[in-house]
Amino acid sequence: MDKKYLITIRKDLGLIEIRFCGRLEVGEMIACLTELYGMEDFDPTIPTIYDFRDCLAIGYRMEVVPFVKWLEDLRSGLGKKKIGVIVDSFNQKFLVKVFIELAKGLNLEVEMFEDPKKCMSWAVTDFKIKNH
């Protein structure tokens, strides 16, 4: 299986960026987050942007609930986290809307964007305030 994501930790912005490509399945999302949470520079509290614009789809509705359960176990005991999601298709919007509702119970603040600049601005707002 080829890696369908690129993780970039931007300490200068207090931000993690993950860019996905191709047809992304839940197993690849789990591999991505497992890799991310295992990285030496990873901070579970800094905002993360998930960019799905280069994906054909991000999965199926029936896969969202098991993924959220897995994510709940991964995030157990961690503080609040902002997640910005960049989308460009109806399937992505639908799945992210389902995820947004489920994410509330995971101490995640999730927002969906079509404009990458608006997503970036939203994600780094707290970092800018804290560091100025």
Protein backbone atom coordinates (compact mmCIF):
# COMPACT_ATOMS: atom_id res chain seq x y z
CA MET A 1 0.00 0.00 0.00
CA ASP A 2 1.45 3.35 -1.03
CA LYS A 3 1.30 6.09 1.55
CA LYS A 4 -1.57 8.42 0.66
CA TYR A 5 -0.70 11.26 3.01
CA LEU A 6 2.02 13.74 3.89
CA ILE A 7 2.37 14.98 7.48
CA THR A 8 4.06 18.33 8.14
CA ILE A 9 4.50 19.68 11.67
CA ARG A 10 4.80 23.48 11.46
CA LYS A 11 6.11 24.57 14.86
CA ASP A 12 6.56 28.13 13.54
CA LEU A 13 2.76 28.35 13.14
CA GLY A 14 1.76 25.99 15.94
CA LEU A 15 0.08 23.77 13.37
CA ILE A 16 0.07 20.27 11.89
CA GLU A 17 -0.83 19.88 8.21
CA ILE A 18 -1.84 16.56 6.68
CA ARG A 19 -2.44 16.41 2.94
CA PHE A 20 -4.19 13.34 1.51
CA CYS A 21 -4.32 12.06 -2.07
CA GLY A 22 -6.05 9.33 -4.05
CA ARG A 23 -8.82 7.13 -2.76
CA LEU A 24 -8.46 7.19 0.99
CA GLU A 25 -9.91 4.43 3.14
CA VAL A 26 -10.35 4.25 6.90
CA GLY A 27 -7.31 1.96 7.26
CA GLU A 28 -5.12 4.67 5.74
CA MET A 29 -6.58 7.28 8.10
CA ILE A 30 -5.73 5.01 11.03
CA ALA A 31 -2.18 4.48 9.68
CA CYS A 32 -1.77 8.23 9.26
CA LEU A 33 -2.92 9.08 12.78
CA THR A 34 -0.89 6.24 14.28
CA GLU A 35 2.19 7.64 12.55
CA LEU A 36 1.33 11.20 13.61
CA TYR A 37 0.78 10.35 17.28
CA GLY A 38 4.08 8.44 17.28
CA MET A 39 6.16 11.33 15.90
CA GLU A 40 8.72 12.85 18.24
CA ASP A 41 7.61 16.44 17.49
CA PHE A 42 3.89 15.66 17.84
CA ASP A 43 1.89 17.78 20.29
CA PRO A 44 -1.68 16.50 20.69
CA THR A 45 -2.99 19.96 21.60
CA ILE A 46 -1.93 21.99 18.55
CA PRO A 47 -4.44 22.41 15.72
CA THR A 48 -4.38 20.08 12.75
CA ILE A 49 -5.51 20.75 9.19
CA TYR A 50 -6.67 17.75 7.17
CA ASP A 51 -6.63 18.59 3.45
CA PHE A 52 -8.77 16.17 1.44
CA ARG A 53 -8.92 18.19 -1.80
CA ASP A 54 -6.79 15.66 -3.71
CA CYS A 55 -8.95 12.69 -2.62
CA LEU A 56 -11.65 10.97 -4.64
CA ALA A 57 -13.48 10.04 -1.44
CA ILE A 58 -12.72 9.69 2.24
CA GLY A 59 -14.75 6.58 2.94
CA TYR A 60 -18.31 5.57 3.59
CA ARG A 61 -20.76 6.65 6.27
CA MET A 62 -20.78 3.19 7.86
CA GLU A 63 -17.03 3.52 8.47
CA VAL A 64 -17.24 6.80 10.38
CA VAL A 65 -18.57 5.39 13.67
CA PRO A 66 -15.88 2.65 14.06
CA PHE A 67 -13.22 5.23 13.13
CA VAL A 68 -14.50 7.63 15.79
CA LYS A 69 -14.43 4.79 18.38
CA TRP A 70 -10.81 4.06 17.45
CA LEU A 71 -10.02 7.79 17.65
CA GLU A 72 -11.69 7.98 21.06
CA ASP A 73 -9.29 5.33 22.36
CA LEU A 74 -6.31 7.11 20.77
CA ARG A 75 -7.26 10.49 22.29
CA SER A 76 -8.17 9.16 25.73
CA GLY A 77 -7.05 11.64 28.38
CA LEU A 78 -5.92 14.31 25.92
CA GLY A 79 -7.04 17.95 26.01
CA LYS A 80 -9.14 19.91 23.54
CA LYS A 81 -7.90 20.08 19.94
CA LYS A 82 -8.91 22.13 16.90
CA ILE A 83 -9.22 20.31 13.59
CA GLY A 84 -9.78 22.13 10.31
CA VAL A 85 -10.92 20.00 7.39
CA ILE A 86 -10.55 21.21 3.80
CA VAL A 87 -12.96 19.54 1.37
CA ASP A 88 -14.06 19.94 -2.22
CA SER A 89 -16.71 17.27 -2.90
CA PHE A 90 -20.21 16.45 -1.70
CA ASN A 91 -19.14 13.03 -0.41
CA GLN A 92 -16.40 14.63 1.68
CA LYS A 93 -18.81 17.28 3.03
CA PHE A 94 -21.34 14.62 4.01
CA LEU A 95 -18.78 12.45 5.82
CA VAL A 96 -17.21 15.43 7.59
CA LYS A 97 -20.65 16.60 8.78
CA VAL A 98 -21.22 13.15 10.31
CA PHE A 99 -17.74 13.29 11.88
CA ILE A 100 -18.31 16.81 13.28
CA GLU A 101 -21.31 15.62 15.28
CA LEU A 102 -19.46 12.58 16.63
CA ALA A 103 -16.26 14.55 17.35
CA LYS A 104 -17.96 16.73 19.95
CA GLY A 105 -17.70 13.82 22.39
CA LEU A 106 -13.94 13.49 21.72
CA ASN A 107 -12.99 16.97 22.93
CA LEU A 108 -12.41 18.01 19.31
CA GLU A 109 -13.45 21.32 17.78
CA VAL A 110 -13.91 20.51 14.10
CA GLU A 111 -14.69 23.01 11.34
CA MET A 112 -15.08 22.33 7.63
CA PHE A 113 -13.75 24.67 4.93
CA GLU A 114 -13.57 24.84 1.16
CA ASP A 115 -11.12 27.76 1.24
CA PRO A 116 -7.65 26.72 2.50
CA LYS A 117 -6.79 30.30 3.55
CA LYS A 118 -9.85 30.53 5.79
CA CYS A 119 -9.02 27.16 7.29
CA MET A 120 -5.43 28.19 8.01
CA SER A 121 -6.55 31.48 9.56
CA TRP A 122 -9.07 29.70 11.79
CA ALA A 123 -6.58 27.03 12.85
CA VAL A 124 -3.78 29.39 13.89
CA THR A 125 -5.92 32.08 15.58
CA ASP A 126 -5.17 30.88 19.13
CA PHE A 127 -1.45 30.46 18.36
CA LYS A 128 -1.24 34.05 17.06
CA ILE A 129 -3.02 35.43 20.14
CA LYS A 130 -0.85 33.42 22.54
CA ASN A 131 2.41 34.47 20.86
CA HIS A 132 1.75 38.20 20.38
